[in-house]
Structure formats: structure tokens, C-alpha cells
């Protein structure tokens, strides 16, 4: 049977509680379906998410957390997302997970770059995610607070 097609979802939210609720639902649905769930988020968001799970759920072998700020620092070369580093630090764990079954990924790195006003760098990183999805099949969720859109040059408020 051929692998299921990749899905790339961008979610916009008004408040942090909505994001937390959405991510908990995203994670629990994946874990209940025995999917691999990879969360690339800030440490503060991860801490918030942890409060919604019991310790056994957090120890699930199908759940992996990466600190988005740490990964972002690694993959930025001369202040720009680097393809080969991205494939090493982000792509490799996703590829390995995909070889074991269905995979869900939440990524916060693009939103972090956008929040810093690094719009071109954020778009480049988004392109790296899209490139990875041409070779691996996984569900990717990105989330952006509406307030980022309001402060983007040229955006309609």
C-alpha cells in the first residue's frame, strides 16, 4: 500500500489557550493512533503541553520533543536556514520516524523567525519543510498568532 500523502496545515490563533488545546488534541489523536508525534516547540510551550498529559503519556516511545530555539540556532548558518543542516537536525529524525509508521509534526520555528521580523528567513525555512515533504510523508502543523500577521509589513490589518 502506498504511503498516505503529506498534509501541511497552517493554523492561526488568537490566544495561547486555543493553541494549547489544539496541540493537545493533535498530539493525543496521533498517540492514540500509534503515530509518531514530533513536537518542535519552545520550552515554555512544551512545559504548558506537559500539564495536559499524565506521566505515562509523556513517556510514550512514540512522542519526541525538540526545543525549537535550540534547533533554530543549529540550522541557521550565516543568519540563514541551511538546507543540509536542516536535513540533518530536523529531516533525519522525521525520516527515521516515517520508516516506522505514520508521523505527525508540530513545528514552531517558522513562527519564531516571523516573530523576530525575519520574514525572508521564515519563508526559506517554510520552503525547507515543503522540500522534506516531497520525500517523506507526514502531517505537519504550524501555528501562528494573529498578532504576527497584524505586524507584518504590507499585511492587511
Protein backbone atom coordinates (compact mmCIF):
# COMPACT_ATOMS: atom_id res chain seq x y z
CA UNK A 1 0.00 0.00 0.00
CA UNK A 2 1.46 3.42 -0.93
CA UNK A 3 2.15 5.88 1.89
CA UNK A 4 -0.52 8.41 2.67
CA UNK A 5 0.07 11.85 1.17
CA UNK A 6 1.67 14.55 3.24
CA UNK A 7 -0.50 17.19 4.84
CA UNK A 8 0.72 20.68 5.72
CA UNK A 9 -1.60 22.71 7.94
CA UNK A 10 -1.17 26.33 8.99
CA UNK A 11 -3.34 27.36 11.92
CA UNK A 12 -3.89 30.93 13.09
CA UNK A 13 -4.96 31.56 16.65
CA UNK A 14 -6.00 34.44 18.87
CA UNK A 15 -4.85 33.24 22.28
CA UNK A 16 -2.36 30.79 23.73
CA UNK A 17 -5.06 28.60 25.30
CA UNK A 18 -6.52 27.91 21.87
CA UNK A 19 -3.07 26.88 20.63
CA UNK A 20 -2.53 24.63 23.66
CA UNK A 21 -5.93 22.96 23.24
CA UNK A 22 -5.32 22.41 19.52
CA UNK A 23 -1.88 20.92 20.10
CA UNK A 24 -3.09 18.62 22.87
CA UNK A 25 -5.81 17.34 20.53
CA UNK A 26 -3.27 16.95 17.68
CA UNK A 27 -0.85 15.05 19.93
CA UNK A 28 -3.40 12.82 21.63
CA UNK A 29 -5.02 11.85 18.32
CA UNK A 30 -1.63 10.83 16.98
CA UNK A 31 -0.59 8.89 20.06
CA UNK A 32 -3.95 7.10 20.26
CA UNK A 33 -3.48 6.11 16.61
CA UNK A 34 0.04 4.82 17.37
CA UNK A 35 1.55 7.52 15.15
CA UNK A 36 4.95 9.01 15.88
CA UNK A 37 4.46 12.53 17.24
CA UNK A 38 7.33 15.01 16.99
CA UNK A 39 6.94 18.35 18.72
CA UNK A 40 9.36 21.15 17.85
CA UNK A 41 8.33 23.92 20.22
CA UNK A 42 9.72 26.41 22.67
CA UNK A 43 10.49 25.05 26.10
CA UNK A 44 7.73 27.20 27.59
CA UNK A 45 5.11 25.79 25.21
CA UNK A 46 6.32 22.25 25.89
CA UNK A 47 6.01 22.86 29.63
CA UNK A 48 2.44 24.06 29.11
CA UNK A 49 1.63 21.00 26.99
CA UNK A 50 3.08 18.66 29.60
CA UNK A 51 0.42 19.75 32.09
CA UNK A 52 -2.25 18.26 29.81
CA UNK A 53 -0.72 14.77 29.88
CA UNK A 54 -0.10 12.21 32.57
CA UNK A 55 3.49 10.97 33.09
CA UNK A 56 2.84 7.70 31.22
CA UNK A 57 1.67 9.58 28.15
CA UNK A 58 4.77 11.79 28.23
CA UNK A 59 6.98 8.69 28.35
CA UNK A 60 5.32 7.21 25.26
CA UNK A 61 8.03 5.98 22.90
CA UNK A 62 6.09 7.50 20.02
CA UNK A 63 6.46 11.05 21.41
CA UNK A 64 9.58 13.14 20.80
CA UNK A 65 10.23 16.75 21.80
CA UNK A 66 12.83 19.11 20.37
CA UNK A 67 13.43 22.64 21.64
CA UNK A 68 12.62 24.93 18.71
CA UNK A 69 15.09 27.63 19.75
CA UNK A 70 17.93 25.12 20.06
CA UNK A 71 17.21 23.58 16.64
CA UNK A 72 16.79 27.00 15.09
CA UNK A 73 20.19 28.11 16.41
CA UNK A 74 21.75 24.96 14.94
CA UNK A 75 20.27 25.29 11.48
CA UNK A 76 20.96 28.98 10.96
CA UNK A 77 24.21 29.40 9.03
CA UNK A 78 25.28 33.00 8.46
CA UNK A 79 21.83 34.05 9.73
CA UNK A 80 20.03 31.92 7.13
CA UNK A 81 18.34 28.48 7.36
CA UNK A 82 20.77 25.96 5.88
CA UNK A 83 19.36 23.06 3.85
CA UNK A 84 21.98 20.46 4.78
CA UNK A 85 21.84 21.31 8.48
CA UNK A 86 18.03 21.29 8.38
CA UNK A 87 18.07 17.84 6.81
CA UNK A 88 20.49 16.64 9.49
CA UNK A 89 18.85 18.06 12.63
CA UNK A 90 15.19 18.06 11.53
CA UNK A 91 14.95 15.84 8.48
CA UNK A 92 16.82 12.83 9.85
CA UNK A 93 14.60 12.29 12.94
CA UNK A 94 11.49 12.72 10.80
CA UNK A 95 12.79 10.30 8.16
CA UNK A 96 13.59 7.73 10.83
CA UNK A 97 10.14 8.12 12.33
CA UNK A 98 8.49 7.84 8.90
CA UNK A 99 10.20 4.48 8.35
CA UNK A 100 8.39 3.18 11.45
CA UNK A 101 4.89 4.37 10.59
CA UNK A 102 2.68 7.43 10.31
CA UNK A 103 4.12 10.69 11.66
CA UNK A 104 2.72 13.99 12.95
CA UNK A 105 4.96 17.01 13.44
CA UNK A 106 4.28 20.34 15.08
CA UNK A 107 6.89 22.96 14.20
CA UNK A 108 7.24 26.35 15.84
CA UNK A 109 10.49 27.52 14.23
CA UNK A 110 8.91 29.39 11.31
CA UNK A 111 6.69 31.34 13.71
CA UNK A 112 9.72 32.20 15.85
CA UNK A 113 11.56 33.65 12.85
CA UNK A 114 8.43 35.55 11.78
CA UNK A 115 8.01 36.98 15.28
CA UNK A 116 11.60 38.29 15.08
CA UNK A 117 10.81 40.10 11.84
CA UNK A 118 12.94 37.65 9.82
CA UNK A 119 10.33 37.19 7.11
CA UNK A 120 12.56 36.01 4.27
CA UNK A 121 14.32 33.57 6.57
CA UNK A 122 10.93 32.27 7.76
CA UNK A 123 9.81 31.75 4.16
CA UNK A 124 13.06 29.96 3.39
CA UNK A 125 12.53 27.63 6.36
CA UNK A 126 8.95 27.03 5.24
CA UNK A 127 10.38 26.01 1.88
CA UNK A 128 12.73 23.52 3.58
CA UNK A 129 9.73 21.92 5.29
CA UNK A 130 7.97 21.70 1.91
CA UNK A 131 11.05 20.10 0.36
CA UNK A 132 11.19 17.50 3.14
CA UNK A 133 7.57 16.64 2.46
CA UNK A 134 8.43 15.79 -1.14
CA UNK A 135 10.47 12.80 0.08
CA UNK A 136 8.71 11.87 3.35
CA UNK A 137 5.01 11.56 4.08
CA UNK A 138 3.95 13.20 7.35
CA UNK A 139 1.39 15.60 8.73
CA UNK A 140 2.91 18.98 9.53
CA UNK A 141 1.20 21.58 11.68
CA UNK A 142 2.43 25.15 12.01
CA UNK A 143 0.59 27.71 14.13
CA UNK A 144 0.80 31.47 14.06
CA UNK A 145 -0.74 34.04 16.40
CA UNK A 146 -2.91 36.58 14.57
CA UNK A 147 -0.86 39.35 16.16
CA UNK A 148 2.11 38.38 13.95
CA UNK A 149 0.05 38.95 10.82
CA UNK A 150 -1.03 42.37 12.05
CA UNK A 151 2.62 43.46 12.43
CA UNK A 152 3.83 42.11 9.09
CA UNK A 153 4.79 44.86 6.62
CA UNK A 154 2.19 45.05 3.87
CA UNK A 155 -0.34 42.91 5.75
CA UNK A 156 -3.96 43.99 5.83
CA UNK A 157 -4.95 44.52 9.46
